């Protein structure tokens, strides 16, 4: 089985209390974890701010672990209503792969004042616009009050984001975390 790395490799040292990565904007369905030390570790991946416990997934030192994140949830945003919370609108005729409770990160090329990282979705309203096309409004808990300029067309990308929490087993170690695509058998 061949792996195609995607995004940056992240090092996370483990300690006797749960530590977590910064937000990881999901680009693939899989997260590969390599334990570089001699001690095992427990990990938990999730939306929000996960906390790893001794009841969570164990990453040994003998082989890498691959955790399924689920289908990639991402999509373009056509317009934004600034405020607290912020409302994001999917292009007319489109639907949204996101769910209430997921955390998301927004990147707007050339207009970074719109960018935010790892904020929760509190509501999704789906329906039809006056012309009869499907429409969706995504409400995110982030404060964009005061931004008046709309994003330039086709420059706003919304992605689900997760964090990985890690806890040492019997001593500290370092975990290397990387999103991957899997090919072959």
N, C-alpha and C. Protein backbone atom coordinates (compact mmCIF):
# COMPACT_ATOMS: atom_id res chain seq x y z
N UNK A 1 0.85 -1.17 0.00
CA UNK A 1 0.00 0.00 0.00
C UNK A 1 0.90 1.24 0.00
N UNK A 2 0.62 2.15 -0.88
CA UNK A 2 1.41 3.38 -0.99
C UNK A 2 0.67 4.54 -0.35
N UNK A 3 1.43 5.43 0.26
CA UNK A 3 0.87 6.62 0.90
C UNK A 3 1.33 7.87 0.17
N UNK A 4 0.41 8.77 -0.06
CA UNK A 4 0.73 10.09 -0.63
C UNK A 4 0.56 11.09 0.51
N UNK A 5 1.66 11.71 1.01
CA UNK A 5 1.50 12.69 2.08
C UNK A 5 0.80 13.94 1.57
N UNK A 6 -0.04 14.52 2.43
CA UNK A 6 -0.78 15.74 2.10
C UNK A 6 -0.62 16.71 3.27
N UNK A 7 -0.29 17.95 2.96
CA UNK A 7 -0.12 18.93 4.03
C UNK A 7 1.18 18.74 4.78
N UNK A 8 1.27 19.40 5.90
CA UNK A 8 2.50 19.37 6.71
C UNK A 8 2.49 18.25 7.73
N UNK A 9 3.67 17.73 8.01
CA UNK A 9 3.87 16.76 9.07
C UNK A 9 3.91 17.53 10.39
N UNK A 10 3.22 17.03 11.42
CA UNK A 10 3.13 17.72 12.71
C UNK A 10 3.74 16.83 13.79
N UNK A 11 4.65 17.40 14.59
CA UNK A 11 5.23 16.67 15.72
C UNK A 11 4.46 17.06 16.98
N UNK A 12 4.03 16.06 17.75
CA UNK A 12 3.36 16.32 19.01
C UNK A 12 4.01 15.47 20.11
N UNK A 13 4.71 16.12 21.04
CA UNK A 13 5.29 15.38 22.15
C UNK A 13 4.19 15.02 23.16
N UNK A 14 4.30 13.84 23.77
CA UNK A 14 3.32 13.44 24.77
C UNK A 14 3.85 13.75 26.17
N UNK A 15 2.92 13.98 27.08
CA UNK A 15 3.26 14.22 28.49
C UNK A 15 2.26 13.44 29.34
N UNK A 16 2.32 13.63 30.65
CA UNK A 16 1.41 12.93 31.55
C UNK A 16 0.02 13.55 31.57
N UNK A 17 -0.17 14.66 30.86
CA UNK A 17 -1.52 15.21 30.68
C UNK A 17 -1.75 15.38 29.18
N UNK A 18 -3.01 15.35 28.78
CA UNK A 18 -3.36 15.41 27.36
C UNK A 18 -2.89 16.72 26.74
N UNK A 19 -2.22 16.61 25.60
CA UNK A 19 -1.82 17.78 24.81
C UNK A 19 -2.45 17.64 23.44
N UNK A 20 -2.61 18.76 22.71
CA UNK A 20 -3.25 18.65 21.41
C UNK A 20 -2.55 19.49 20.36
N UNK A 21 -2.78 19.11 19.12
CA UNK A 21 -2.24 19.84 17.98
C UNK A 21 -3.06 21.10 17.76
N UNK A 22 -2.55 21.97 16.92
CA UNK A 22 -3.36 23.06 16.40
C UNK A 22 -4.38 22.44 15.45
N UNK A 23 -5.29 23.23 14.95
CA UNK A 23 -6.30 22.73 14.03
C UNK A 23 -5.66 22.15 12.77
N UNK A 24 -6.20 21.04 12.32
CA UNK A 24 -5.76 20.39 11.09
C UNK A 24 -6.92 20.49 10.10
N UNK A 25 -6.77 21.31 9.07
CA UNK A 25 -7.81 21.43 8.05
C UNK A 25 -7.83 20.15 7.22
N UNK A 26 -8.93 19.42 7.26
CA UNK A 26 -9.00 18.11 6.62
C UNK A 26 -8.92 18.21 5.11
N UNK A 27 -7.95 17.47 4.56
CA UNK A 27 -7.76 17.40 3.11
C UNK A 27 -7.86 15.97 2.58
N UNK A 28 -7.82 14.99 3.49
CA UNK A 28 -7.89 13.59 3.10
C UNK A 28 -8.74 12.84 4.14
N UNK A 29 -9.14 11.60 3.82
CA UNK A 29 -9.91 10.82 4.80
C UNK A 29 -9.06 10.15 5.88
N UNK A 30 -7.73 10.25 5.79
CA UNK A 30 -6.87 9.48 6.70
C UNK A 30 -5.79 10.33 7.36
N UNK A 31 -5.50 9.95 8.61
CA UNK A 31 -4.44 10.59 9.38
C UNK A 31 -3.48 9.48 9.80
N UNK A 32 -2.22 9.60 9.42
CA UNK A 32 -1.20 8.60 9.77
C UNK A 32 -0.41 9.11 10.96
N UNK A 33 -0.18 8.22 11.93
CA UNK A 33 0.55 8.58 13.14
C UNK A 33 1.71 7.62 13.31
N UNK A 34 2.92 8.19 13.41
CA UNK A 34 4.12 7.38 13.63
C UNK A 34 4.68 7.76 14.99
N UNK A 35 4.87 6.74 15.82
CA UNK A 35 5.45 6.94 17.15
C UNK A 35 6.96 6.81 17.01
N UNK A 36 7.70 7.90 17.24
CA UNK A 36 9.15 7.90 17.03
C UNK A 36 9.94 7.49 18.26
N UNK A 37 9.25 7.27 19.38
CA UNK A 37 9.95 6.95 20.62
C UNK A 37 9.88 5.48 20.98
N UNK A 38 10.11 5.20 22.26
CA UNK A 38 10.11 3.82 22.76
C UNK A 38 8.92 3.55 23.68
N UNK A 39 8.04 4.52 23.86
CA UNK A 39 6.87 4.38 24.73
C UNK A 39 5.60 4.61 23.92
N UNK A 40 4.56 3.87 24.21
CA UNK A 40 3.28 4.01 23.52
C UNK A 40 2.56 5.29 23.95
N UNK A 41 1.47 5.58 23.24
CA UNK A 41 0.68 6.78 23.55
C UNK A 41 -0.78 6.54 23.19
N UNK A 42 -1.66 7.27 23.86
CA UNK A 42 -3.09 7.24 23.55
C UNK A 42 -3.43 8.49 22.76
N UNK A 43 -4.31 8.35 21.76
CA UNK A 43 -4.70 9.51 20.95
C UNK A 43 -6.21 9.56 20.77
N UNK A 44 -6.70 10.77 20.59
CA UNK A 44 -8.10 11.00 20.27
C UNK A 44 -8.16 12.12 19.24
N UNK A 45 -8.89 11.89 18.15
CA UNK A 45 -9.05 12.88 17.09
C UNK A 45 -10.49 13.32 17.08
N UNK A 46 -10.70 14.65 16.96
CA UNK A 46 -12.08 15.09 16.89
C UNK A 46 -12.26 16.56 16.65
N UNK A 47 -13.53 16.95 16.51
CA UNK A 47 -13.90 18.35 16.40
C UNK A 47 -13.73 18.99 17.78
N UNK A 48 -13.74 20.30 17.82
CA UNK A 48 -13.61 20.99 19.10
C UNK A 48 -12.22 20.81 19.68
N UNK A 49 -12.16 20.58 20.98
CA UNK A 49 -10.89 20.39 21.68
C UNK A 49 -10.88 19.05 22.39
N UNK A 50 -10.52 17.97 21.68
CA UNK A 50 -10.54 16.64 22.28
C UNK A 50 -9.50 16.51 23.40
N UNK A 51 -9.77 15.59 24.31
CA UNK A 51 -8.84 15.27 25.38
C UNK A 51 -8.59 13.78 25.34
N UNK A 52 -7.32 13.38 25.25
CA UNK A 52 -6.96 11.96 25.22
C UNK A 52 -6.94 11.41 26.63
N UNK A 53 -7.45 10.17 26.77
CA UNK A 53 -7.41 9.45 28.05
C UNK A 53 -6.85 8.06 27.80
N UNK A 54 -6.63 7.33 28.87
CA UNK A 54 -6.11 5.96 28.76
C UNK A 54 -7.14 5.01 28.14
N UNK A 55 -8.36 5.47 27.92
CA UNK A 55 -9.38 4.65 27.28
C UNK A 55 -9.42 4.85 25.76
N UNK A 56 -8.59 5.75 25.24
CA UNK A 56 -8.62 6.07 23.82
C UNK A 56 -7.67 5.18 23.00
N UNK A 57 -7.63 5.43 21.69
CA UNK A 57 -6.86 4.64 20.74
C UNK A 57 -5.38 4.62 21.14
N UNK A 58 -4.78 3.43 21.15
CA UNK A 58 -3.38 3.27 21.55
C UNK A 58 -2.49 3.20 20.32
N UNK A 59 -1.45 4.00 20.29
CA UNK A 59 -0.46 3.99 19.21
C UNK A 59 0.82 3.37 19.77
N UNK A 60 1.14 2.19 19.26
CA UNK A 60 2.34 1.47 19.74
C UNK A 60 3.58 2.01 19.05
N UNK A 61 4.71 1.47 19.46
CA UNK A 61 5.98 1.84 18.83
C UNK A 61 6.34 0.88 17.70
N UNK A 62 5.58 -0.20 17.55
CA UNK A 62 5.95 -1.23 16.58
C UNK A 62 5.53 -0.93 15.15
N UNK A 63 4.44 -0.18 14.96
CA UNK A 63 4.03 0.14 13.59
C UNK A 63 3.17 1.41 13.59
N UNK A 64 3.16 2.13 12.46
CA UNK A 64 2.35 3.34 12.37
C UNK A 64 0.86 3.01 12.46
N UNK A 65 0.09 3.99 12.89
CA UNK A 65 -1.36 3.86 12.95
C UNK A 65 -1.97 4.75 11.87
N UNK A 66 -3.06 4.30 11.27
CA UNK A 66 -3.80 5.11 10.32
C UNK A 66 -5.22 5.23 10.86
N UNK A 67 -5.66 6.46 11.10
CA UNK A 67 -6.99 6.72 11.64
C UNK A 67 -7.87 7.32 10.54
N UNK A 68 -9.06 6.77 10.40
CA UNK A 68 -10.02 7.29 9.42
C UNK A 68 -10.71 8.53 9.99
N UNK A 69 -10.67 9.61 9.23
CA UNK A 69 -11.34 10.85 9.61
C UNK A 69 -12.75 10.94 9.03
N UNK A 70 -13.05 10.07 8.10
CA UNK A 70 -14.32 10.15 7.38
C UNK A 70 -14.14 10.94 6.10
N UNK A 71 -15.21 11.04 5.35
CA UNK A 71 -15.15 11.76 4.08
C UNK A 71 -14.74 13.21 4.31
N UNK A 72 -13.98 13.73 3.37
CA UNK A 72 -13.54 15.12 3.45
C UNK A 72 -14.76 16.02 3.30
N UNK A 73 -14.92 16.93 4.25
CA UNK A 73 -16.01 17.92 4.18
C UNK A 73 -15.38 19.26 3.84
N UNK A 74 -15.64 19.74 2.64
CA UNK A 74 -15.11 21.03 2.22
C UNK A 74 -15.99 21.57 1.11
N UNK A 75 -15.86 22.86 0.87
CA UNK A 75 -16.63 23.43 -0.22
C UNK A 75 -16.46 24.92 -0.32
N UNK A 76 -16.84 25.47 -1.47
CA UNK A 76 -16.72 26.91 -1.67
C UNK A 76 -17.81 27.67 -0.91
N UNK A 77 -17.50 28.90 -0.57
CA UNK A 77 -18.46 29.80 0.06
C UNK A 77 -18.65 30.98 -0.89
N UNK A 78 -19.91 31.28 -1.21
CA UNK A 78 -20.22 32.33 -2.19
C UNK A 78 -20.28 33.71 -1.55
N UNK A 79 -20.82 33.79 -0.35
CA UNK A 79 -20.92 35.09 0.32
C UNK A 79 -20.95 34.88 1.83
N UNK A 80 -20.71 35.98 2.54
CA UNK A 80 -20.62 35.92 4.00
C UNK A 80 -21.37 37.12 4.58
N UNK A 81 -22.12 36.87 5.65
CA UNK A 81 -22.71 37.97 6.43
C UNK A 81 -21.89 38.10 7.69
N UNK A 82 -21.18 39.22 7.80
CA UNK A 82 -20.32 39.45 8.96
C UNK A 82 -21.18 39.63 10.21
N UNK A 83 -20.62 39.26 11.33
CA UNK A 83 -21.30 39.43 12.60
C UNK A 83 -20.76 38.45 13.62
N UNK A 84 -21.48 38.32 14.71
CA UNK A 84 -21.12 37.37 15.76
C UNK A 84 -22.40 36.71 16.22
N UNK A 85 -22.78 35.56 15.66
CA UNK A 85 -22.01 34.65 14.82
C UNK A 85 -21.93 35.12 13.36
N UNK A 86 -21.15 34.38 12.57
CA UNK A 86 -20.97 34.68 11.15
C UNK A 86 -21.79 33.70 10.33
N UNK A 87 -22.41 34.20 9.25
CA UNK A 87 -23.22 33.34 8.38
C UNK A 87 -22.51 33.20 7.03
N UNK A 88 -22.33 31.95 6.61
CA UNK A 88 -21.67 31.62 5.35
C UNK A 88 -22.70 31.03 4.41
N UNK A 89 -22.62 31.40 3.13
CA UNK A 89 -23.60 30.94 2.16
C UNK A 89 -22.94 30.12 1.06
N UNK A 90 -23.50 28.94 0.84
CA UNK A 90 -23.03 28.02 -0.20
C UNK A 90 -23.51 28.58 -1.55
N UNK A 91 -22.73 28.41 -2.63
CA UNK A 91 -23.18 28.90 -3.94
C UNK A 91 -24.58 28.37 -4.29
N UNK A 92 -25.35 29.19 -4.97
CA UNK A 92 -26.71 28.82 -5.38
C UNK A 92 -26.69 27.49 -6.13
N UNK A 93 -27.61 26.63 -5.75
CA UNK A 93 -27.71 25.32 -6.37
C UNK A 93 -26.87 24.27 -5.68
N UNK A 94 -26.07 24.68 -4.71
CA UNK A 94 -25.20 23.74 -4.02
C UNK A 94 -25.77 23.29 -2.69
N UNK A 95 -25.25 22.20 -2.18
CA UNK A 95 -25.61 21.73 -0.85
C UNK A 95 -24.35 21.77 -0.01
N UNK A 96 -24.46 21.37 1.24
CA UNK A 96 -23.29 21.42 2.12
C UNK A 96 -23.01 20.05 2.72
N UNK A 97 -21.74 19.63 2.78
CA UNK A 97 -21.39 18.36 3.40
C UNK A 97 -21.21 18.47 4.91
N UNK A 98 -21.36 19.67 5.45
CA UNK A 98 -21.07 19.91 6.87
C UNK A 98 -22.25 19.54 7.75
N UNK A 99 -21.95 19.35 9.05
CA UNK A 99 -22.97 19.03 10.04
C UNK A 99 -22.83 19.95 11.24
N UNK A 100 -23.95 20.23 11.89
CA UNK A 100 -23.93 21.01 13.12
C UNK A 100 -23.05 20.28 14.13
N UNK A 101 -22.19 21.02 14.82
CA UNK A 101 -21.27 20.44 15.81
C UNK A 101 -19.86 20.24 15.29
N UNK A 102 -19.71 20.16 13.96
CA UNK A 102 -18.35 20.05 13.40
C UNK A 102 -17.64 21.39 13.56
N UNK A 103 -16.32 21.32 13.57
CA UNK A 103 -15.52 22.54 13.57
C UNK A 103 -14.96 22.74 12.17
N UNK A 104 -14.86 24.01 11.76
CA UNK A 104 -14.44 24.33 10.40
C UNK A 104 -13.42 25.47 10.42
N UNK A 105 -12.65 25.54 9.33
CA UNK A 105 -11.69 26.62 9.12
C UNK A 105 -11.96 27.21 7.74
N UNK A 106 -11.90 28.54 7.66
CA UNK A 106 -12.16 29.25 6.41
C UNK A 106 -10.89 29.93 5.94
N UNK A 107 -10.61 29.80 4.65
CA UNK A 107 -9.50 30.51 4.02
C UNK A 107 -10.05 31.26 2.82
N UNK A 108 -9.79 32.57 2.78
CA UNK A 108 -10.23 33.40 1.65
C UNK A 108 -8.97 33.97 0.99
N UNK A 109 -8.64 33.48 -0.18
CA UNK A 109 -7.44 33.90 -0.90
C UNK A 109 -7.48 35.40 -1.16
N UNK A 110 -6.42 36.11 -0.75
CA UNK A 110 -6.31 37.54 -0.99
C UNK A 110 -7.10 38.41 -0.03
N UNK A 111 -7.87 37.81 0.86
CA UNK A 111 -8.66 38.55 1.85
C UNK A 111 -8.57 37.85 3.20
N UNK A 112 -7.36 37.77 3.74
CA UNK A 112 -7.12 36.99 4.95
C UNK A 112 -7.86 37.50 6.18
N UNK A 113 -8.39 38.72 6.13
CA UNK A 113 -9.15 39.22 7.28
C UNK A 113 -10.42 38.40 7.50
N UNK A 114 -10.86 37.62 6.51
CA UNK A 114 -12.01 36.74 6.67
C UNK A 114 -11.60 35.40 7.29
N UNK A 115 -10.33 35.04 7.21
CA UNK A 115 -9.88 33.71 7.64
C UNK A 115 -10.16 33.47 9.12
N UNK A 116 -10.58 32.24 9.43
CA UNK A 116 -10.69 31.82 10.83
C UNK A 116 -10.34 30.34 10.90
N UNK A 117 -10.01 29.88 12.09
CA UNK A 117 -9.57 28.51 12.28
C UNK A 117 -10.35 27.81 13.39
N UNK A 118 -10.85 26.64 13.07
CA UNK A 118 -11.40 25.68 14.03
C UNK A 118 -12.54 26.27 14.88
N UNK A 119 -13.56 26.74 14.19
CA UNK A 119 -14.74 27.31 14.87
C UNK A 119 -15.94 26.38 14.67
N UNK A 120 -16.81 26.28 15.68
CA UNK A 120 -17.94 25.33 15.58
C UNK A 120 -19.10 25.84 14.73
N UNK A 121 -19.72 24.89 14.02
CA UNK A 121 -20.96 25.16 13.29
C UNK A 121 -22.10 25.00 14.28
N UNK A 122 -22.94 26.03 14.40
CA UNK A 122 -24.06 25.97 15.34
C UNK A 122 -25.40 25.77 14.65
N UNK A 123 -25.49 26.04 13.34
CA UNK A 123 -26.74 25.83 12.62
C UNK A 123 -26.47 25.71 11.13
N UNK A 124 -27.32 24.96 10.46
CA UNK A 124 -27.32 24.87 9.00
C UNK A 124 -28.78 24.96 8.56
N UNK A 125 -29.06 25.94 7.75
CA UNK A 125 -30.40 26.11 7.21
C UNK A 125 -30.36 25.85 5.71
N UNK A 126 -31.13 24.88 5.29
CA UNK A 126 -31.20 24.54 3.86
C UNK A 126 -32.58 24.85 3.34
N UNK A 127 -32.64 25.23 2.10
CA UNK A 127 -33.92 25.54 1.49
C UNK A 127 -33.71 25.91 0.04
N UNK A 128 -34.58 26.79 -0.45
CA UNK A 128 -34.51 27.19 -1.84
C UNK A 128 -34.56 28.72 -1.93
N UNK A 129 -33.79 29.26 -2.86
CA UNK A 129 -33.81 30.71 -3.06
C UNK A 129 -35.04 31.10 -3.90
N UNK A 130 -35.28 32.39 -4.12
CA UNK A 130 -36.47 32.81 -4.86
C UNK A 130 -36.58 32.23 -6.28
N UNK A 131 -35.45 31.87 -6.88
CA UNK A 131 -35.48 31.29 -8.23
C UNK A 131 -35.71 29.79 -8.20
N UNK A 132 -35.83 29.20 -7.03
CA UNK A 132 -36.06 27.77 -6.92
C UNK A 132 -34.82 26.92 -6.84
N UNK A 133 -33.64 27.54 -6.72
CA UNK A 133 -32.40 26.78 -6.60
C UNK A 133 -32.13 26.45 -5.13
N UNK A 134 -31.51 25.29 -4.92
CA UNK A 134 -31.15 24.90 -3.56
C UNK A 134 -30.16 25.90 -3.00
N UNK A 135 -30.30 26.20 -1.71
CA UNK A 135 -29.39 27.14 -1.05
C UNK A 135 -29.13 26.63 0.37
N UNK A 136 -27.99 27.00 0.94
CA UNK A 136 -27.67 26.61 2.31
C UNK A 136 -26.94 27.75 3.01
N UNK A 137 -27.31 27.95 4.28
CA UNK A 137 -26.68 28.96 5.13
C UNK A 137 -26.05 28.22 6.31
N UNK A 138 -24.77 28.48 6.55
CA UNK A 138 -24.02 27.83 7.63
C UNK A 138 -23.68 28.90 8.67
N UNK A 139 -24.10 28.67 9.92
CA UNK A 139 -23.80 29.62 11.00
C UNK A 139 -22.62 29.09 11.80
N UNK A 140 -21.60 29.96 11.94
CA UNK A 140 -20.37 29.58 12.63
C UNK A 140 -20.12 30.55 13.78
N UNK A 141 -19.71 30.01 14.92
CA UNK A 141 -19.41 30.84 16.08
C UNK A 141 -18.03 31.47 15.91
N UNK A 142 -18.00 32.61 15.27
CA UNK A 142 -16.79 33.42 15.14
C UNK A 142 -17.22 34.86 14.92
N UNK A 143 -16.40 35.80 15.36
CA UNK A 143 -16.76 37.22 15.28
C UNK A 143 -16.07 37.89 14.10
N UNK A 144 -16.86 38.25 13.10
CA UNK A 144 -16.34 38.97 11.93
C UNK A 144 -16.96 40.37 11.85
N UNK A 145 -17.48 40.83 12.98
CA UNK A 145 -18.10 42.15 13.04
C UNK A 145 -17.15 43.21 12.49
N UNK A 146 -17.66 44.08 11.65
CA UNK A 146 -16.85 45.17 11.11
C UNK A 146 -16.27 44.93 9.74
N UNK A 147 -16.32 43.69 9.24
CA UNK A 147 -15.82 43.43 7.89
C UNK A 147 -16.96 43.71 6.92
N UNK A 148 -16.72 44.61 5.98
CA UNK A 148 -17.79 45.02 5.05
C UNK A 148 -17.61 44.48 3.65
N UNK A 149 -16.40 44.14 3.26
CA UNK A 149 -16.11 43.69 1.90
C UNK A 149 -16.47 42.21 1.73
N UNK A 150 -17.23 41.88 0.69
CA UNK A 150 -17.54 40.48 0.41
C UNK A 150 -16.32 39.79 -0.21
N UNK A 151 -16.19 38.49 0.02
CA UNK A 151 -15.08 37.77 -0.63
C UNK A 151 -15.22 37.83 -2.15
N UNK A 152 -14.09 37.88 -2.82
CA UNK A 152 -14.08 37.82 -4.28
C UNK A 152 -14.58 36.43 -4.69
N UNK A 153 -15.35 36.35 -5.76
CA UNK A 153 -15.92 35.08 -6.22
C UNK A 153 -14.87 33.99 -6.34
N UNK A 154 -15.23 32.81 -5.91
CA UNK A 154 -14.39 31.60 -6.03
C UNK A 154 -13.08 31.67 -5.26
N UNK A 155 -13.05 32.42 -4.15
CA UNK A 155 -11.81 32.50 -3.36
C UNK A 155 -11.97 31.99 -1.94
N UNK A 156 -13.19 31.70 -1.50
CA UNK A 156 -13.43 31.27 -0.11
C UNK A 156 -13.60 29.76 -0.05
N UNK A 157 -12.79 29.11 0.78
CA UNK A 157 -12.81 27.66 0.93
C UNK A 157 -13.05 27.31 2.39
N UNK A 158 -14.13 26.58 2.67
CA UNK A 158 -14.46 26.14 4.02
C UNK A 158 -14.12 24.66 4.14
N UNK A 159 -13.43 24.28 5.22
CA UNK A 159 -13.04 22.88 5.44
C UNK A 159 -13.30 22.48 6.87
N UNK A 160 -13.70 21.22 7.04
CA UNK A 160 -13.77 20.68 8.40
C UNK A 160 -12.36 20.69 8.96
N UNK A 161 -12.24 20.97 10.24
CA UNK A 161 -10.94 20.89 10.89
C UNK A 161 -11.07 20.05 12.16
N UNK A 162 -10.01 19.34 12.47
CA UNK A 162 -9.96 18.49 13.65
C UNK A 162 -8.68 18.80 14.42
N UNK A 163 -8.63 18.30 15.64
CA UNK A 163 -7.40 18.34 16.42
C UNK A 163 -7.11 16.93 16.89
N UNK A 164 -5.83 16.63 17.11
CA UNK A 164 -5.42 15.35 17.66
C UNK A 164 -4.88 15.60 19.06
N UNK A 165 -5.43 14.89 20.04
CA UNK A 165 -4.95 14.96 21.42
C UNK A 165 -4.14 13.71 21.71
N UNK A 166 -3.07 13.85 22.48
CA UNK A 166 -2.19 12.72 22.80
C UNK A 166 -1.86 12.70 24.28
N UNK A 167 -1.69 11.49 24.80
CA UNK A 167 -1.36 11.28 26.21
C UNK A 167 -0.33 10.16 26.30
N UNK A 168 0.72 10.37 27.07
CA UNK A 168 1.74 9.32 27.20
C UNK A 168 1.16 8.11 27.91
N UNK A 169 1.76 6.94 27.63
CA UNK A 169 1.34 5.70 28.30
C UNK A 169 2.18 5.47 29.54
N UNK A 170 3.46 5.20 29.37
CA UNK A 170 4.32 4.94 30.53
C UNK A 170 5.57 5.81 30.51
N UNK A 171 5.60 6.77 29.64
CA UNK A 171 6.71 7.69 29.50
C UNK A 171 6.51 8.53 28.26
N UNK A 172 7.20 9.63 28.17
CA UNK A 172 6.97 10.54 27.05
C UNK A 172 7.55 9.98 25.74
N UNK A 173 6.96 10.43 24.66
CA UNK A 173 7.38 10.06 23.32
C UNK A 173 6.98 11.19 22.38
N UNK A 174 7.32 11.09 21.13
CA UNK A 174 6.88 12.07 20.14
C UNK A 174 6.13 11.35 19.04
N UNK A 175 4.97 11.89 18.68
CA UNK A 175 4.18 11.35 17.59
C UNK A 175 4.30 12.27 16.39
N UNK A 176 4.47 11.69 15.21
CA UNK A 176 4.49 12.44 13.96
C UNK A 176 3.16 12.18 13.27
N UNK A 177 2.44 13.27 12.97
CA UNK A 177 1.08 13.17 12.45
C UNK A 177 1.05 13.77 11.04
N UNK A 178 0.46 13.05 10.08
CA UNK A 178 0.43 13.49 8.69
C UNK A 178 -0.85 12.99 8.03
N UNK A 179 -1.53 13.86 7.29
CA UNK A 179 -2.65 13.42 6.48
C UNK A 179 -2.07 12.65 5.28
N UNK A 180 -2.77 11.59 4.88
CA UNK A 180 -2.30 10.81 3.74
C UNK A 180 -3.47 10.40 2.86
N UNK A 181 -3.14 10.15 1.59
CA UNK A 181 -4.02 9.44 0.68
C UNK A 181 -3.43 8.06 0.52
N UNK A 182 -4.27 7.05 0.47
CA UNK A 182 -3.82 5.67 0.35
C UNK A 182 -4.13 5.18 -1.06
N UNK A 183 -3.11 4.57 -1.69
CA UNK A 183 -3.29 4.02 -3.03
C UNK A 183 -2.76 2.61 -3.08
N UNK A 184 -3.27 1.80 -3.98
CA UNK A 184 -2.79 0.44 -4.15
C UNK A 184 -3.37 -0.51 -3.12
N UNK A 185 -2.92 -1.75 -3.17
CA UNK A 185 -3.43 -2.77 -2.25
C UNK A 185 -2.36 -3.25 -1.32
